[in-house]
Protein backbone atom coordinates (compact mmCIF):
# COMPACT_ATOMS: atom_id res chain seq x y z
CA MET A 1 0.00 0.00 0.00
CA LYS A 2 1.34 3.42 -0.93
CA SER A 3 1.68 6.16 1.64
CA PRO A 4 -0.07 9.53 1.08
CA ARG A 5 3.32 11.03 0.19
CA GLU A 6 3.98 8.36 -2.46
CA VAL A 7 0.52 8.92 -3.93
CA ALA A 8 1.15 12.67 -3.97
CA ASP A 9 4.40 12.05 -5.85
CA ASP A 10 2.50 9.94 -8.38
CA LEU A 11 -0.12 12.63 -8.82
CA ARG A 12 2.54 15.29 -9.39
CA ALA A 13 4.09 13.07 -12.05
CA PHE A 14 0.71 12.76 -13.77
CA GLU A 15 0.13 16.52 -13.61
CA ARG A 16 3.29 17.02 -15.65
CA VAL A 17 1.58 15.21 -18.55
CA ALA A 18 -1.14 17.87 -18.61
CA PRO A 19 0.40 20.93 -16.93
CA ARG A 20 -2.64 23.22 -17.47
CA TYR A 21 -4.82 21.10 -15.20
CA MET A 22 -4.99 20.18 -11.52
CA PHE A 23 -6.39 16.91 -10.24
CA HIS A 24 -7.89 16.80 -6.74
CA TYR A 25 -8.37 13.41 -5.16
CA ASN A 26 -10.04 12.39 -1.93
CA TYR A 27 -7.26 10.09 -0.73
CA ILE A 28 -8.22 7.32 1.66
CA CYS A 29 -5.50 4.83 2.57
CA GLY A 30 -5.65 1.79 0.32
CA ALA A 31 -8.29 3.33 -1.96
CA CYS A 32 -6.54 6.18 -3.85
CA LEU A 33 -8.26 6.67 -7.22
CA GLU A 34 -11.09 4.30 -6.35
CA GLN A 35 -12.49 7.06 -4.15
CA GLN A 36 -14.24 10.27 -5.24
CA HIS A 37 -12.14 12.56 -7.40
CA THR A 38 -12.83 15.72 -9.34
CA PHE A 39 -11.28 17.05 -12.51
CA ILE A 40 -10.70 20.79 -12.21
CA GLU A 41 -9.83 22.91 -15.22
CA THR A 42 -7.86 25.99 -14.19
CA LYS A 43 -8.52 29.24 -16.04
CA PRO A 44 -7.49 32.87 -15.55
CA GLY A 45 -9.74 34.67 -13.12
CA PRO A 46 -11.73 33.56 -10.07
CA THR A 47 -13.96 30.96 -11.75
CA ARG A 48 -13.26 27.33 -12.46
CA ARG A 49 -15.29 24.49 -13.94
CA GLU A 50 -15.56 21.10 -12.27
CA VAL A 51 -16.28 18.01 -14.33
CA SER A 52 -17.13 14.58 -12.90
CA VAL A 53 -14.80 11.94 -14.31
CA ILE A 54 -15.96 8.64 -12.89
CA TRP A 55 -18.93 6.95 -14.54
CA PRO A 56 -21.89 6.51 -12.12
CA THR A 57 -21.10 3.50 -9.95
CA ASN A 58 -24.57 1.99 -10.30
CA ARG A 59 -24.18 1.53 -14.06
CA PRO A 60 -21.86 -0.74 -16.05
CA TYR A 61 -18.89 0.62 -17.94
CA ALA A 62 -15.76 -0.78 -19.55
CA CYS A 63 -12.19 0.28 -20.16
CA MET A 64 -10.37 -1.11 -23.19
CA LEU A 65 -6.58 -1.28 -22.81
CA THR A 66 -4.21 -2.04 -25.67
CA PHE A 67 -0.54 -2.58 -26.45
CA HIS A 68 1.65 -4.08 -29.18
CA ARG A 69 4.64 -5.89 -27.74
CA ALA A 70 5.79 -7.19 -24.38
CA ALA A 71 9.25 -7.69 -22.89
CA PRO A 72 10.42 -9.39 -19.68
CA GLY A 73 11.40 -6.98 -16.93
CA GLU A 74 15.09 -7.90 -17.18
CA GLU A 75 15.13 -6.81 -20.85
CA TRP A 76 13.12 -3.61 -20.41
CA ASP A 77 15.99 -1.20 -19.84
CA ARG A 78 17.89 -2.49 -22.91
CA LEU A 79 15.15 -1.84 -25.49
CA PRO A 80 15.97 0.79 -28.17
CA ASN A 81 12.25 1.21 -28.97
CA ARG A 82 10.73 0.96 -25.51
CA GLU A 83 7.75 3.13 -26.51
CA PHE A 84 6.37 0.15 -28.45
CA TYR A 85 6.40 -2.32 -25.52
CA ILE A 86 4.82 -3.11 -22.21
CA ASN A 87 6.92 -4.46 -19.34
CA LEU A 88 5.67 -7.95 -18.43
CA ASP A 89 6.36 -7.31 -14.74
CA TYR A 90 4.05 -4.30 -14.91
CA LEU A 91 1.38 -6.27 -16.81
CA ASN A 92 1.52 -8.98 -14.14
CA ALA A 93 1.11 -6.36 -11.40
CA LEU A 94 -1.80 -4.73 -13.24
CA LEU A 95 -3.63 -8.04 -13.72
CA THR A 96 -3.09 -8.82 -10.04
CA TYR A 97 -4.52 -5.43 -9.08
CA LEU A 98 -7.57 -5.81 -11.35
CA LYS A 99 -8.36 -9.32 -10.15
CA GLY A 100 -8.11 -8.22 -6.54
CA SER A 101 -10.13 -5.02 -6.96
CA GLY A 102 -13.40 -6.27 -8.37
CA TRP A 103 -12.77 -5.61 -12.07
CA GLU A 104 -13.97 -8.24 -14.54
CA ILE A 105 -11.54 -8.91 -17.40
CA VAL A 106 -13.53 -9.78 -20.51
CA SER A 107 -13.38 -10.40 -24.25
CA ILE A 108 -15.03 -7.87 -26.56
CA ASP A 109 -17.95 -10.24 -27.13
CA GLN A 110 -18.41 -10.47 -23.36
CA MET A 111 -18.02 -6.71 -22.92
CA ILE A 112 -20.81 -5.96 -25.42
CA GLU A 113 -23.12 -8.51 -23.80
CA ARG A 114 -22.49 -7.32 -20.23
CA LEU A 115 -22.90 -3.62 -21.07
CA ALA A 116 -26.42 -4.40 -22.27
CA ARG A 117 -27.36 -5.53 -18.76
CA SER A 118 -28.29 -3.29 -15.86
CA GLY A 119 -26.42 -3.14 -12.60
CA LYS A 120 -22.96 -2.17 -11.40
CA ARG A 121 -20.14 -3.68 -13.45
CA ARG A 122 -16.55 -2.61 -14.02
CA LEU A 123 -15.18 -4.33 -17.10
CA VAL A 124 -11.72 -4.37 -18.67
CA ASN A 125 -10.70 -5.67 -22.07
CA PHE A 126 -7.07 -6.16 -23.08
CA SER A 127 -6.20 -6.25 -26.78
CA ILE A 128 -2.85 -6.77 -28.48
CA ASP A 129 -2.33 -5.41 -31.98
CA ASP A 130 -0.39 -6.66 -35.03
CA GLY A 131 0.90 -10.14 -34.13
CA TYR A 132 4.36 -10.65 -32.68
CA VAL A 133 5.99 -13.79 -31.37
CA ASP A 134 6.19 -12.36 -27.82
CA THR A 135 2.39 -12.28 -27.75
CA PHE A 136 2.42 -16.06 -28.18
CA GLU A 137 5.44 -16.80 -25.99
CA HIS A 138 4.85 -14.40 -23.08
CA VAL A 139 1.52 -12.57 -23.05
CA ILE A 140 -0.97 -15.38 -23.66
CA PRO A 141 0.67 -17.66 -21.03
CA LEU A 142 0.42 -14.78 -18.54
CA PHE A 143 -3.30 -14.26 -19.21
CA ARG A 144 -3.87 -18.01 -18.99
CA SER A 145 -2.19 -18.07 -15.59
CA PHE A 146 -4.81 -15.56 -14.37
CA GLY A 147 -7.62 -17.43 -16.13
CA VAL A 148 -8.76 -14.31 -18.02
CA PRO A 149 -9.33 -13.60 -21.74
CA VAL A 150 -7.33 -11.46 -24.15
CA THR A 151 -8.13 -10.18 -27.66
CA LEU A 152 -5.63 -10.43 -30.52
CA PHE A 153 -6.03 -8.08 -33.49
CA ILE A 154 -3.97 -9.71 -36.24
CA THR A 155 -2.45 -8.02 -39.29
CA THR A 156 -2.67 -10.98 -41.66
CA GLY A 157 0.39 -9.91 -43.65
CA ILE A 158 2.49 -10.90 -40.62
CA PRO A 159 1.71 -14.65 -40.55
CA ASP A 160 1.40 -14.55 -44.37
CA GLU A 161 5.02 -13.27 -44.49
CA THR A 162 4.21 -10.26 -46.67
CA ASP A 163 4.82 -7.71 -43.88
CA LEU A 164 8.57 -7.15 -43.46
CA LEU A 165 8.26 -5.93 -39.85
CA GLY A 166 10.86 -3.27 -40.53
CA TRP A 167 10.46 -1.54 -37.17
CA ALA A 168 11.28 -4.78 -35.36
CA GLY A 169 14.16 -5.58 -37.71
CA LEU A 170 15.67 -2.12 -37.32
CA GLU A 171 15.45 -2.44 -33.54
CA THR A 172 17.19 -5.84 -33.61
CA ILE A 173 20.03 -4.61 -35.81
CA ILE A 174 20.63 -1.59 -33.59
CA SER A 175 20.42 -3.72 -30.43
CA GLU A 176 23.05 -6.19 -31.61
CA ARG A 177 25.64 -3.88 -33.18
CA GLU A 178 28.04 -1.19 -32.06
CA THR A 179 28.25 0.66 -35.40
CA LEU A 180 25.85 1.14 -38.31
CA LEU A 181 26.09 2.30 -41.89
CA THR A 182 23.42 4.86 -42.73
CA SER A 183 22.71 7.45 -45.41
CA MET A 184 24.37 9.87 -42.99
CA GLY A 185 27.53 7.76 -42.83
CA LYS A 186 28.89 5.41 -40.19
CA VAL A 187 27.39 5.98 -36.75
CA ASP A 188 28.28 4.75 -33.27
CA VAL A 189 25.55 2.86 -31.42
CA SER A 190 27.71 1.29 -28.73
CA ASP A 191 25.69 2.55 -25.76
CA LEU A 192 21.96 2.53 -24.97
CA PRO A 193 21.32 6.30 -25.34
CA ALA A 194 22.90 6.17 -28.80
CA LYS A 195 20.82 3.11 -29.75
CA ARG A 196 17.58 4.85 -28.74
CA ARG A 197 18.56 8.11 -30.40
CA TRP A 198 19.52 6.48 -33.69
CA PHE A 199 16.49 4.19 -33.74
CA THR A 200 14.21 7.22 -33.57
CA ARG A 201 16.26 9.22 -36.06
CA ILE A 202 16.59 6.46 -38.67
CA ALA A 203 12.95 5.36 -38.48
CA ALA A 204 11.75 8.96 -38.80
CA SER A 205 14.00 9.58 -41.81
CA TRP A 206 12.47 6.69 -43.78
CA GLY A 207 8.90 8.04 -43.69
CA GLU A 208 5.68 6.05 -43.89
CA GLN A 209 5.37 5.75 -47.69
CA ASN A 210 8.87 4.45 -48.45
CA PHE A 211 9.56 2.64 -45.20
CA ASP A 212 9.85 -0.92 -46.57
CA GLN A 213 12.24 0.03 -49.37
CA ALA A 214 14.37 2.15 -47.05
CA TYR A 215 14.49 -0.73 -44.55
CA GLN A 216 15.59 -3.22 -47.20
CA ASP A 217 18.31 -0.84 -48.41
CA PHE A 218 19.49 -0.38 -44.82
CA CYS A 219 19.64 -4.16 -44.30
CA ARG A 220 21.59 -4.61 -47.53
CA ILE A 221 24.34 -2.12 -46.68
CA ASN A 222 24.58 -3.52 -43.13
CA GLY A 223 24.64 -7.17 -44.22
CA ALA A 224 21.39 -8.08 -42.44
CA ASP A 225 19.04 -10.87 -43.56
CA VAL A 226 15.51 -9.44 -43.95
CA PRO A 227 13.60 -12.79 -43.92
CA GLU A 228 15.58 -14.03 -40.92
CA LEU A 229 14.91 -10.84 -38.98
CA ARG A 230 11.21 -11.03 -39.80
CA LYS A 231 11.07 -14.65 -38.64
CA ARG A 232 12.48 -13.70 -35.24
CA HIS A 233 9.55 -11.38 -34.51
CA ALA A 234 6.47 -12.57 -36.42
CA ILE A 235 3.64 -14.66 -35.08
CA THR A 236 2.98 -17.62 -37.40
CA TRP A 237 -0.12 -19.40 -38.62
CA ARG A 238 0.99 -22.47 -36.69
CA MET A 239 1.03 -20.43 -33.48
CA LEU A 240 -2.37 -18.93 -34.24
CA GLU A 241 -3.83 -22.32 -35.12
CA SER A 242 -2.83 -23.55 -31.67
CA LEU A 243 -4.90 -20.71 -30.16
CA LYS A 244 -8.05 -20.88 -32.27
CA ASP A 245 -9.95 -23.15 -29.85
CA ASP A 246 -8.69 -21.49 -26.68
CA PRO A 247 -11.71 -19.97 -24.84
CA LEU A 248 -9.42 -17.29 -23.39
CA VAL A 249 -8.22 -16.02 -26.79
CA GLU A 250 -10.44 -13.87 -29.01
CA ILE A 251 -9.12 -13.14 -32.52
CA GLY A 252 -10.05 -10.10 -34.58
CA ALA A 253 -8.77 -8.37 -37.72
CA HIS A 254 -6.24 -5.53 -38.07
CA THR A 255 -6.10 -5.24 -41.90
CA ILE A 256 -3.83 -7.11 -44.31
CA SER A 257 -0.92 -4.67 -44.53
CA HIS A 258 -1.37 -2.47 -41.42
CA ALA A 259 -2.89 0.16 -43.70
CA ARG A 260 -4.13 3.58 -42.66
CA ILE A 261 -7.77 3.08 -43.65
CA SER A 262 -8.53 6.80 -43.83
CA SER A 263 -5.85 7.29 -46.51
CA LEU A 264 -7.29 4.64 -48.86
CA PRO A 265 -10.02 4.97 -51.50
CA ILE A 266 -13.16 3.03 -50.61
CA PRO A 267 -12.45 -0.11 -52.72
CA ALA A 268 -8.94 -0.47 -51.29
CA ALA A 269 -10.19 0.17 -47.74
CA LEU A 270 -12.89 -2.49 -48.09
CA HIS A 271 -10.29 -4.91 -49.46
CA GLU A 272 -8.13 -4.42 -46.35
CA LEU A 273 -11.14 -4.82 -44.07
CA ARG A 274 -12.99 -7.70 -45.68
CA ASP A 275 -10.04 -9.75 -46.88
CA SER A 276 -8.18 -9.66 -43.57
CA ALA A 277 -11.26 -11.06 -41.82
CA ALA A 278 -11.80 -13.61 -44.59
CA ARG A 279 -8.18 -14.76 -44.32
CA LEU A 280 -8.49 -15.31 -40.57
CA ARG A 281 -11.73 -17.23 -41.02
CA GLN A 282 -10.20 -19.34 -43.77
CA ARG A 283 -7.02 -20.25 -41.88
CA LEU A 284 -8.40 -20.49 -38.35
CA GLY A 285 -12.14 -21.07 -38.64
CA VAL A 286 -12.80 -18.27 -36.14
CA PRO A 287 -15.78 -15.88 -36.48
CA CYS A 288 -13.57 -12.73 -36.58
CA ARG A 289 -16.31 -10.36 -35.48
CA HIS A 290 -14.19 -7.42 -34.37
CA PHE A 291 -11.76 -5.00 -36.01
CA ALA A 292 -9.15 -2.53 -34.73
CA PHE A 293 -7.86 0.40 -36.78
CA PRO A 294 -4.06 0.23 -37.24
CA TYR A 295 -4.05 4.03 -36.97
CA GLY A 296 -6.87 4.83 -34.61
CA ARG A 297 -6.36 8.32 -33.23
CA MET A 298 -8.83 11.18 -33.76
CA ARG A 299 -7.02 12.44 -36.84
CA ASP A 300 -6.57 8.95 -38.33
CA CYS A 301 -10.12 7.62 -38.63
CA GLY A 302 -13.50 9.23 -39.07
CA VAL A 303 -17.16 8.74 -39.93
CA ARG A 304 -16.46 7.26 -43.39
CA ASP A 305 -14.09 4.69 -41.90
CA PHE A 306 -16.51 3.69 -39.13
CA LEU A 307 -19.24 3.15 -41.74
CA LEU A 308 -16.89 1.05 -43.87
CA THR A 309 -16.16 -1.32 -40.98
CA ARG A 310 -19.90 -1.83 -40.57
CA GLU A 311 -20.26 -2.44 -44.33
CA ALA A 312 -17.40 -4.94 -44.19
CA GLY A 313 -19.45 -7.09 -41.81
CA PHE A 314 -17.80 -6.48 -38.44
CA VAL A 315 -19.72 -6.23 -35.17
CA SER A 316 -17.36 -3.60 -33.73
CA ALA A 317 -14.36 -1.45 -34.56
CA ALA A 318 -11.83 -0.19 -32.00
CA THR A 319 -9.86 3.05 -32.16
CA THR A 320 -7.02 4.33 -29.99
CA ILE A 321 -9.01 7.35 -28.85
CA ARG A 322 -8.89 7.35 -25.06
CA GLY A 323 -12.02 6.98 -22.98
CA LEU A 324 -14.51 4.57 -21.45
CA VAL A 325 -17.08 2.34 -23.12
CA LYS A 326 -20.54 3.01 -21.71
CA PRO A 327 -24.00 1.59 -22.47
CA GLY A 328 -25.18 2.99 -25.80
CA GLN A 329 -21.63 3.45 -27.15
CA ASP A 330 -21.33 3.31 -30.95
CA LEU A 331 -19.66 -0.08 -31.39
CA PHE A 332 -17.84 1.09 -34.52
CA GLN A 333 -15.81 3.73 -32.70
CA LEU A 334 -14.84 2.02 -29.47
CA PRO A 335 -12.28 3.95 -27.39
CA ARG A 336 -9.08 2.15 -26.37
CA ASN A 337 -6.34 3.35 -24.05
CA ASN A 338 -2.76 2.71 -25.16
CA MET A 339 -0.45 1.14 -22.58
CA ASN A 340 2.80 1.19 -24.59
CA GLY A 341 5.81 3.17 -23.45
CA ALA A 342 7.07 5.00 -20.43
CA TYR A 343 3.93 5.62 -18.36
CA GLN A 344 3.71 2.19 -16.78
CA SER A 345 2.56 2.47 -13.20
CA LEU A 346 -0.75 1.76 -11.53
CA ILE A 347 -1.44 5.48 -11.22
CA TYR A 348 -1.56 5.82 -15.01
CA ALA A 349 -3.59 2.64 -15.39
CA LYS A 350 -6.12 3.98 -12.89
CA ALA A 351 -6.32 7.22 -14.86
CA SER A 352 -7.48 5.14 -17.83
CA LEU A 353 -9.74 2.88 -15.76
CA THR A 354 -11.61 5.83 -14.26
CA GLY A 355 -11.88 7.77 -17.53
CA LEU A 356 -9.56 10.54 -16.38
CA SER A 357 -7.05 10.09 -19.21
CA GLY A 358 -9.90 10.25 -21.73
CA VAL A 359 -11.08 13.56 -20.29
CA VAL A 360 -7.55 14.97 -20.46
CA ALA A 361 -7.16 13.75 -24.06
CA LYS A 362 -10.42 15.39 -25.09
CA VAL A 363 -9.59 18.67 -23.41
CA LEU A 364 -6.12 18.72 -24.98
CA ARG A 365 -7.55 17.37 -28.26
CA ARG A 366 -5.26 14.38 -28.31
CA GLY A 367 -6.37 10.93 -29.49
């Protein structure tokens, strides 16, 4: 149990994420964010506006949490691209907290069904996007050990071996070498700060449109084997086939090529939507009722894209716009709260679970 001083330190850390706002909590030992709290927007002058954050406790609501990759705690500090991962030690602690605090961890099918009922319910769904080998090797065994479900949103180009997984390959090359050849010349990546700095700089220089070609050129001049690197990170059809009958694993679609749906003309967008689901049904025999946008922030998907997911035959579509799922929510623009990166402590998880991070995102206009 944290002391009031430790909680205050956590709250100050959270305030730095949104410096224009103050958060006042009624702290009771052992309860922290589970107790009453008020979101207060500070403005010039004597007035201020108070907004209730928590959803009424006598009605059901759900929080959808998502991430991409997971790494054991002992590897966490050595990752060049830590913003793309969740620490497995943290995930274990969060699952322990949820199980011990009255939250029900559910699949998306279960979430939709339970939200239609009356009565107090606090629901959590975890989803993992793309399809990496660590999902199979580490994350699913962890969820099984707790006896709770998890949703996988699979980009079918990954098990089909058409997605090069350039981000993962770049990270591996940088992790394992002390020098690199780049378009900017030979660079030193012998220490961790340099590895992180050059990962960000190289990936940003390639751009979204030409990323695969730039990655292949980079591998060629550095003597790296693209298929071998991809194999080290990709989930396979054999792995997925071993999960298809697991009652704790729900499988949904995440396009064929990890495409930005909003950037595609309608026929191409429907191809990504329909054919990814069809491929999963064909290979695994699963219903594939749910979809998650590969780029799901406010600026990345809109009304047209939500309508297209409905037309493609899905029951729901998930974004990465922060917030809670409440009764009556449009199922084709479900909010999800990203867990990747640096902000991995229970204080940040509770901000998502109570809806606070969604309020902050809306006020700051961040998805």
